[in-house]
Amino acid sequence: MSASGAYKGWDVYESLPDGWKIDNTAGSPLSGYSFCNNGESILNGGKRALVKVHRPEHHHPKYPGVQCPETKKAQPLTKDDRRVMNDAARAKLKENLLKDITVDLMICKIEGWDYRQYIAELHALIDGVHESVHPKQSKLF
């Protein structure tokens, strides 16, 4: 059986070639496909490729013949959902930024460096962002 194409250097098969097996040791770089190999180690000349994964629909994976309930399609996110997700992402960003600054300040203290210049640079950076968005408003700080 010949490959039906290639993806980033990997041969791509629509079905598993004879004698080959699914290789789940690494995640696939292509959605809907899994790695497969010819049973030999790649270090010893074995071959590896991508194969399309055919999953039966609406059947329980552990219990063949048992119908699973119809899966619901994901609902689109509402404006409120998107706002909540954005607020959570911003909170996480601020938390990580504060952690990074705290670590840098500890390093300054350990090394005996003056941290005030670094804080002033961060302050100026944030002021610059604010001024680019609201040029006529006064500074927040």
N, C-alpha and C. Protein backbone atom coordinates (compact mmCIF):
# COMPACT_ATOMS: atom_id res chain seq x y z
N MET A 1 0.84 -1.17 0.00
CA MET A 1 0.00 0.00 0.00
C MET A 1 0.89 1.23 0.00
N SER A 2 0.57 2.18 -0.85
CA SER A 2 1.38 3.39 -0.91
C SER A 2 0.68 4.51 -0.15
N ALA A 3 1.48 5.46 0.28
CA ALA A 3 0.95 6.58 1.04
C ALA A 3 0.08 7.44 0.13
N SER A 4 -0.97 8.02 0.73
CA SER A 4 -1.87 8.88 -0.04
C SER A 4 -1.38 10.32 -0.07
N GLY A 5 -0.30 10.58 0.63
CA GLY A 5 0.24 11.94 0.66
C GLY A 5 1.31 12.04 1.73
N ALA A 6 1.63 13.27 2.09
CA ALA A 6 2.63 13.49 3.13
C ALA A 6 2.22 14.72 3.93
N TYR A 7 2.65 14.73 5.18
CA TYR A 7 2.40 15.86 6.06
C TYR A 7 3.68 16.10 6.85
N LYS A 8 4.31 17.26 6.61
CA LYS A 8 5.55 17.64 7.30
C LYS A 8 6.57 16.52 7.31
N GLY A 9 6.71 15.85 6.19
CA GLY A 9 7.73 14.81 6.04
C GLY A 9 7.25 13.41 6.41
N TRP A 10 6.06 13.27 6.97
CA TRP A 10 5.53 11.96 7.34
C TRP A 10 4.62 11.46 6.22
N ASP A 11 4.78 10.19 5.82
CA ASP A 11 3.84 9.59 4.89
C ASP A 11 2.48 9.53 5.58
N VAL A 12 1.41 9.73 4.81
CA VAL A 12 0.05 9.72 5.36
C VAL A 12 -0.73 8.60 4.66
N TYR A 13 -1.34 7.72 5.46
CA TYR A 13 -2.14 6.62 4.96
C TYR A 13 -3.60 6.80 5.37
N GLU A 14 -4.51 6.38 4.51
CA GLU A 14 -5.93 6.42 4.84
C GLU A 14 -6.35 5.21 5.67
N SER A 15 -5.59 4.12 5.58
CA SER A 15 -5.85 2.94 6.41
C SER A 15 -4.51 2.32 6.80
N LEU A 16 -4.53 1.54 7.85
CA LEU A 16 -3.32 0.96 8.39
C LEU A 16 -2.75 -0.08 7.42
N PRO A 17 -1.49 0.09 6.98
CA PRO A 17 -0.89 -0.89 6.07
C PRO A 17 -0.76 -2.26 6.74
N ASP A 18 -0.78 -3.33 5.95
CA ASP A 18 -0.63 -4.69 6.48
C ASP A 18 0.68 -4.81 7.25
N GLY A 19 0.60 -5.41 8.44
CA GLY A 19 1.78 -5.63 9.26
C GLY A 19 2.16 -4.43 10.13
N TRP A 20 1.51 -3.31 9.94
CA TRP A 20 1.80 -2.11 10.73
C TRP A 20 0.88 -2.07 11.94
N LYS A 21 1.27 -1.26 12.93
CA LYS A 21 0.44 -1.13 14.12
C LYS A 21 0.41 0.34 14.56
N ILE A 22 -0.64 0.68 15.30
CA ILE A 22 -0.78 2.04 15.82
C ILE A 22 0.31 2.26 16.87
N ASP A 23 0.94 3.42 16.83
CA ASP A 23 2.01 3.78 17.75
C ASP A 23 1.55 4.99 18.57
N ASN A 24 1.12 4.73 19.80
CA ASN A 24 0.61 5.80 20.65
C ASN A 24 1.66 6.39 21.58
N THR A 25 2.94 6.21 21.26
CA THR A 25 3.99 6.72 22.14
C THR A 25 4.16 8.23 22.00
N ALA A 26 3.59 8.81 20.96
CA ALA A 26 3.70 10.26 20.77
C ALA A 26 2.39 10.78 20.19
N GLY A 27 2.06 12.00 20.54
CA GLY A 27 0.87 12.62 20.00
C GLY A 27 1.04 12.95 18.53
N SER A 28 -0.04 12.90 17.80
CA SER A 28 0.01 13.16 16.37
C SER A 28 0.01 14.66 16.09
N PRO A 29 0.79 15.09 15.09
CA PRO A 29 0.78 16.50 14.72
C PRO A 29 -0.40 16.86 13.81
N LEU A 30 -1.20 15.88 13.44
CA LEU A 30 -2.29 16.10 12.50
C LEU A 30 -3.59 15.58 13.09
N SER A 31 -4.56 16.44 13.22
CA SER A 31 -5.85 16.07 13.81
C SER A 31 -6.53 14.97 12.99
N GLY A 32 -7.06 13.96 13.69
CA GLY A 32 -7.75 12.86 13.02
C GLY A 32 -6.82 11.75 12.56
N TYR A 33 -5.54 11.88 12.88
CA TYR A 33 -4.55 10.90 12.48
C TYR A 33 -3.73 10.48 13.69
N SER A 34 -3.19 9.26 13.65
CA SER A 34 -2.29 8.76 14.68
C SER A 34 -1.02 8.27 14.02
N PHE A 35 0.04 8.19 14.82
CA PHE A 35 1.25 7.60 14.29
C PHE A 35 1.07 6.09 14.19
N CYS A 36 1.73 5.49 13.23
CA CYS A 36 1.79 4.04 13.10
C CYS A 36 3.23 3.69 12.72
N ASN A 37 3.58 2.42 12.92
CA ASN A 37 4.93 1.99 12.53
C ASN A 37 4.88 0.57 12.01
N ASN A 38 5.97 0.16 11.40
CA ASN A 38 6.02 -1.18 10.79
C ASN A 38 6.50 -2.24 11.77
N GLY A 39 6.53 -1.90 13.06
CA GLY A 39 6.91 -2.88 14.08
C GLY A 39 8.38 -2.93 14.41
N GLU A 40 9.18 -2.19 13.67
CA GLU A 40 10.62 -2.16 13.93
C GLU A 40 11.00 -0.81 14.53
N SER A 41 12.04 -0.81 15.32
CA SER A 41 12.52 0.42 15.92
C SER A 41 13.00 1.38 14.83
N ILE A 42 12.68 2.62 15.00
CA ILE A 42 13.14 3.64 14.04
C ILE A 42 14.66 3.71 14.05
N LEU A 43 15.25 3.42 15.20
CA LEU A 43 16.71 3.43 15.29
C LEU A 43 17.35 2.31 14.48
N ASN A 44 16.57 1.25 14.19
CA ASN A 44 17.08 0.12 13.41
C ASN A 44 16.49 0.08 12.02
N GLY A 45 16.10 1.23 11.49
CA GLY A 45 15.60 1.29 10.12
C GLY A 45 14.09 1.13 10.00
N GLY A 46 13.39 1.08 11.12
CA GLY A 46 11.93 0.98 11.07
C GLY A 46 11.32 2.23 10.47
N LYS A 47 10.07 2.09 10.05
CA LYS A 47 9.38 3.22 9.41
C LYS A 47 8.22 3.66 10.28
N ARG A 48 7.94 4.96 10.21
CA ARG A 48 6.85 5.56 10.95
C ARG A 48 6.06 6.44 10.00
N ALA A 49 4.75 6.50 10.18
CA ALA A 49 3.90 7.30 9.31
C ALA A 49 2.67 7.74 10.09
N LEU A 50 1.80 8.48 9.42
CA LEU A 50 0.52 8.88 9.99
C LEU A 50 -0.58 8.09 9.31
N VAL A 51 -1.56 7.67 10.10
CA VAL A 51 -2.68 6.92 9.53
C VAL A 51 -3.98 7.54 10.04
N LYS A 52 -4.95 7.64 9.14
CA LYS A 52 -6.26 8.20 9.49
C LYS A 52 -6.92 7.31 10.53
N VAL A 53 -7.48 7.93 11.56
CA VAL A 53 -8.14 7.18 12.62
C VAL A 53 -9.62 7.10 12.29
N HIS A 54 -10.11 5.88 12.15
CA HIS A 54 -11.53 5.66 11.87
C HIS A 54 -12.18 5.19 13.16
N ARG A 55 -12.97 6.04 13.76
CA ARG A 55 -13.64 5.68 15.00
C ARG A 55 -15.12 5.49 14.72
N PRO A 56 -15.68 4.38 15.21
CA PRO A 56 -17.12 4.20 15.01
C PRO A 56 -17.87 5.27 15.79
N GLU A 57 -18.89 5.82 15.17
CA GLU A 57 -19.65 6.87 15.82
C GLU A 57 -20.74 6.28 16.71
N HIS A 58 -20.94 6.92 17.82
CA HIS A 58 -22.02 6.60 18.75
C HIS A 58 -21.92 5.22 19.38
N HIS A 59 -20.75 4.63 19.43
CA HIS A 59 -20.57 3.36 20.11
C HIS A 59 -19.57 3.55 21.23
N HIS A 60 -19.85 2.91 22.36
CA HIS A 60 -18.97 3.02 23.51
C HIS A 60 -17.66 2.32 23.18
N PRO A 61 -16.50 2.98 23.41
CA PRO A 61 -15.21 2.38 23.02
C PRO A 61 -14.88 1.09 23.75
N LYS A 62 -15.34 0.92 24.99
CA LYS A 62 -15.02 -0.29 25.73
C LYS A 62 -16.05 -1.39 25.53
N TYR A 63 -17.25 -1.03 25.12
CA TYR A 63 -18.34 -2.00 24.99
C TYR A 63 -18.94 -1.93 23.60
N PRO A 64 -18.34 -2.66 22.65
CA PRO A 64 -18.87 -2.64 21.28
C PRO A 64 -20.34 -3.05 21.26
N GLY A 65 -21.09 -2.39 20.43
CA GLY A 65 -22.50 -2.71 20.31
C GLY A 65 -23.38 -1.90 21.25
N VAL A 66 -22.80 -1.28 22.25
CA VAL A 66 -23.58 -0.46 23.18
C VAL A 66 -23.61 0.95 22.63
N GLN A 67 -24.80 1.43 22.38
CA GLN A 67 -24.96 2.76 21.82
C GLN A 67 -24.73 3.82 22.89
N CYS A 68 -23.99 4.83 22.56
CA CYS A 68 -23.81 5.97 23.46
C CYS A 68 -24.92 6.97 23.19
N PRO A 69 -25.28 7.73 24.20
CA PRO A 69 -26.27 8.77 23.94
C PRO A 69 -25.75 9.76 22.92
N GLU A 70 -26.65 10.36 22.19
CA GLU A 70 -26.28 11.35 21.18
C GLU A 70 -25.49 12.47 21.85
N THR A 71 -24.34 12.78 21.31
CA THR A 71 -23.54 13.86 21.90
C THR A 71 -24.07 15.19 21.41
N LYS A 72 -24.10 16.13 22.32
CA LYS A 72 -24.59 17.46 21.97
C LYS A 72 -23.46 18.26 21.34
N LYS A 73 -23.81 19.05 20.36
CA LYS A 73 -22.82 19.93 19.75
C LYS A 73 -22.56 21.09 20.69
N ALA A 74 -21.33 21.53 20.71
CA ALA A 74 -20.96 22.64 21.58
C ALA A 74 -21.71 23.90 21.16
N GLN A 75 -22.21 24.59 22.14
CA GLN A 75 -22.91 25.84 21.88
C GLN A 75 -21.89 26.96 21.70
N PRO A 76 -22.16 27.90 20.81
CA PRO A 76 -21.23 29.02 20.67
C PRO A 76 -21.19 29.82 21.97
N LEU A 77 -20.03 30.39 22.24
CA LEU A 77 -19.88 31.17 23.46
C LEU A 77 -20.65 32.48 23.34
N THR A 78 -21.29 32.87 24.44
CA THR A 78 -22.01 34.14 24.46
C THR A 78 -21.02 35.27 24.73
N LYS A 79 -21.50 36.48 24.58
CA LYS A 79 -20.67 37.65 24.85
C LYS A 79 -20.22 37.64 26.32
N ASP A 80 -21.12 37.26 27.23
CA ASP A 80 -20.77 37.18 28.65
C ASP A 80 -19.71 36.10 28.89
N ASP A 81 -19.86 34.94 28.22
CA ASP A 81 -18.87 33.86 28.35
C ASP A 81 -17.48 34.34 27.92
N ARG A 82 -17.45 35.02 26.78
CA ARG A 82 -16.16 35.51 26.27
C ARG A 82 -15.55 36.53 27.22
N ARG A 83 -16.40 37.38 27.83
CA ARG A 83 -15.90 38.39 28.76
C ARG A 83 -15.31 37.72 30.01
N VAL A 84 -16.02 36.71 30.54
CA VAL A 84 -15.53 36.00 31.72
C VAL A 84 -14.19 35.33 31.42
N MET A 85 -14.08 34.69 30.25
CA MET A 85 -12.84 34.03 29.87
C MET A 85 -11.70 35.06 29.72
N ASN A 86 -12.01 36.20 29.12
CA ASN A 86 -11.00 37.24 28.95
C ASN A 86 -10.56 37.80 30.31
N ASP A 87 -11.51 38.03 31.21
CA ASP A 87 -11.17 38.53 32.54
C ASP A 87 -10.27 37.53 33.28
N ALA A 88 -10.59 36.24 33.16
CA ALA A 88 -9.77 35.21 33.81
C ALA A 88 -8.36 35.19 33.21
N ALA A 89 -8.25 35.32 31.90
CA ALA A 89 -6.93 35.33 31.24
C ALA A 89 -6.13 36.56 31.68
N ARG A 90 -6.79 37.69 31.81
CA ARG A 90 -6.10 38.90 32.26
C ARG A 90 -5.63 38.76 33.70
N ALA A 91 -6.48 38.18 34.55
CA ALA A 91 -6.08 37.97 35.95
C ALA A 91 -4.86 37.07 36.03
N LYS A 92 -4.84 36.02 35.22
CA LYS A 92 -3.69 35.10 35.20
C LYS A 92 -2.44 35.82 34.70
N LEU A 93 -2.59 36.66 33.68
CA LEU A 93 -1.46 37.42 33.17
C LEU A 93 -0.90 38.33 34.25
N LYS A 94 -1.78 39.04 34.97
CA LYS A 94 -1.32 39.94 36.04
C LYS A 94 -0.63 39.15 37.15
N GLU A 95 -1.17 38.00 37.48
CA GLU A 95 -0.55 37.15 38.51
C GLU A 95 0.86 36.73 38.09
N ASN A 96 0.99 36.27 36.85
CA ASN A 96 2.31 35.84 36.35
C ASN A 96 3.29 37.02 36.25
N LEU A 97 2.79 38.17 35.84
CA LEU A 97 3.63 39.36 35.75
C LEU A 97 4.14 39.76 37.13
N LEU A 98 3.25 39.74 38.12
CA LEU A 98 3.65 40.07 39.48
C LEU A 98 4.68 39.08 40.02
N LYS A 99 4.50 37.80 39.70
CA LYS A 99 5.49 36.78 40.13
C LYS A 99 6.85 37.06 39.50
N ASP A 100 6.87 37.37 38.21
CA ASP A 100 8.13 37.65 37.52
C ASP A 100 8.82 38.88 38.10
N ILE A 101 8.05 39.93 38.35
CA ILE A 101 8.63 41.15 38.92
C ILE A 101 9.18 40.87 40.31
N THR A 102 8.43 40.10 41.11
CA THR A 102 8.88 39.77 42.46
C THR A 102 10.20 39.00 42.44
N VAL A 103 10.32 38.05 41.53
CA VAL A 103 11.57 37.29 41.40
C VAL A 103 12.71 38.22 41.01
N ASP A 104 12.45 39.11 40.05
CA ASP A 104 13.50 40.03 39.62
C ASP A 104 13.93 40.94 40.76
N LEU A 105 12.96 41.41 41.57
CA LEU A 105 13.30 42.27 42.70
C LEU A 105 14.12 41.52 43.75
N MET A 106 13.80 40.23 43.95
CA MET A 106 14.60 39.43 44.88
C MET A 106 16.03 39.28 44.38
N ILE A 107 16.19 39.09 43.07
CA ILE A 107 17.53 38.98 42.50
C ILE A 107 18.30 40.28 42.70
N CYS A 108 17.60 41.41 42.47
CA CYS A 108 18.25 42.71 42.70
C CYS A 108 18.71 42.84 44.14
N LYS A 109 17.87 42.42 45.08
CA LYS A 109 18.22 42.51 46.50
C LYS A 109 19.42 41.63 46.82
N ILE A 110 19.40 40.39 46.30
CA ILE A 110 20.50 39.44 46.54
C ILE A 110 21.81 39.97 45.96
N GLU A 111 21.74 40.52 44.75
CA GLU A 111 22.94 41.00 44.06
C GLU A 111 23.37 42.40 44.52
N GLY A 112 22.48 43.07 45.27
CA GLY A 112 22.81 44.42 45.71
C GLY A 112 22.60 45.46 44.63
N TRP A 113 21.75 45.18 43.65
CA TRP A 113 21.48 46.10 42.56
C TRP A 113 20.32 47.01 42.94
N ASP A 114 20.29 48.18 42.33
CA ASP A 114 19.20 49.13 42.55
C ASP A 114 18.02 48.72 41.68
N TYR A 115 16.91 48.44 42.30
CA TYR A 115 15.72 47.99 41.58
C TYR A 115 14.88 49.15 41.07
N ARG A 116 15.12 50.37 41.55
CA ARG A 116 14.25 51.51 41.23
C ARG A 116 14.22 51.82 39.74
N GLN A 117 15.34 51.68 39.07
CA GLN A 117 15.38 51.94 37.62
C GLN A 117 14.47 50.96 36.88
N TYR A 118 14.51 49.69 37.27
CA TYR A 118 13.68 48.66 36.63
C TYR A 118 12.19 48.99 36.83
N ILE A 119 11.82 49.36 38.05
CA ILE A 119 10.42 49.69 38.33
C ILE A 119 10.01 50.94 37.54
N ALA A 120 10.91 51.93 37.45
CA ALA A 120 10.61 53.14 36.68
C ALA A 120 10.42 52.81 35.20
N GLU A 121 11.22 51.88 34.66
CA GLU A 121 11.07 51.47 33.26
C GLU A 121 9.74 50.77 33.03
N LEU A 122 9.34 49.91 33.96
CA LEU A 122 8.04 49.24 33.84
C LEU A 122 6.91 50.27 33.91
N HIS A 123 7.05 51.21 34.82
CA HIS A 123 6.05 52.26 34.98
C HIS A 123 5.92 53.06 33.68
N ALA A 124 7.06 53.44 33.09
CA ALA A 124 7.05 54.20 31.83
C ALA A 124 6.44 53.39 30.70
N LEU A 125 6.71 52.09 30.69
CA LEU A 125 6.15 51.22 29.66
C LEU A 125 4.62 51.18 29.75
N ILE A 126 4.11 51.02 30.95
CA ILE A 126 2.65 50.98 31.14
C ILE A 126 2.05 52.35 30.83
N ASP A 127 2.70 53.43 31.26
CA ASP A 127 2.22 54.77 30.93
C ASP A 127 2.17 54.98 29.41
N GLY A 128 3.19 54.47 28.71
CA GLY A 128 3.21 54.60 27.26
C GLY A 128 2.06 53.89 26.59
N VAL A 129 1.73 52.71 27.10
CA VAL A 129 0.58 51.97 26.56
C VAL A 129 -0.70 52.77 26.83
N HIS A 130 -0.84 53.28 28.04
CA HIS A 130 -2.04 54.05 28.39
C HIS A 130 -2.16 55.29 27.51
N GLU A 131 -1.06 56.00 27.31
CA GLU A 131 -1.08 57.22 26.50
C GLU A 131 -1.38 56.92 25.03
N SER A 132 -0.96 55.75 24.55
CA SER A 132 -1.25 55.41 23.15
C SER A 132 -2.73 55.10 22.94
N VAL A 133 -3.40 54.65 23.99
CA VAL A 133 -4.82 54.33 23.90
C VAL A 133 -5.67 55.56 24.23
N HIS A 134 -5.23 56.34 25.21
CA HIS A 134 -5.97 57.53 25.66
C HIS A 134 -5.03 58.73 25.66
N PRO A 135 -4.71 59.28 24.51
CA PRO A 135 -3.69 60.33 24.45
C PRO A 135 -4.06 61.62 25.19
N LYS A 136 -5.33 61.95 25.36
CA LYS A 136 -5.71 63.21 25.99
C LYS A 136 -5.97 63.08 27.47
N GLN A 137 -6.02 61.84 28.00
CA GLN A 137 -6.27 61.66 29.41
C GLN A 137 -4.98 61.76 30.20
N SER A 138 -5.11 62.12 31.45
CA SER A 138 -3.92 62.21 32.30
C SER A 138 -3.49 60.81 32.70
N LYS A 139 -2.27 60.73 33.23
CA LYS A 139 -1.71 59.44 33.64
C LYS A 139 -2.50 58.85 34.79
N LEU A 140 -2.55 57.51 34.83
CA LEU A 140 -3.25 56.81 35.90
C LEU A 140 -2.44 56.85 37.19
N PHE A 141 -1.13 56.92 37.09
CA PHE A 141 -0.26 56.78 38.26
C PHE A 141 0.21 58.13 38.75
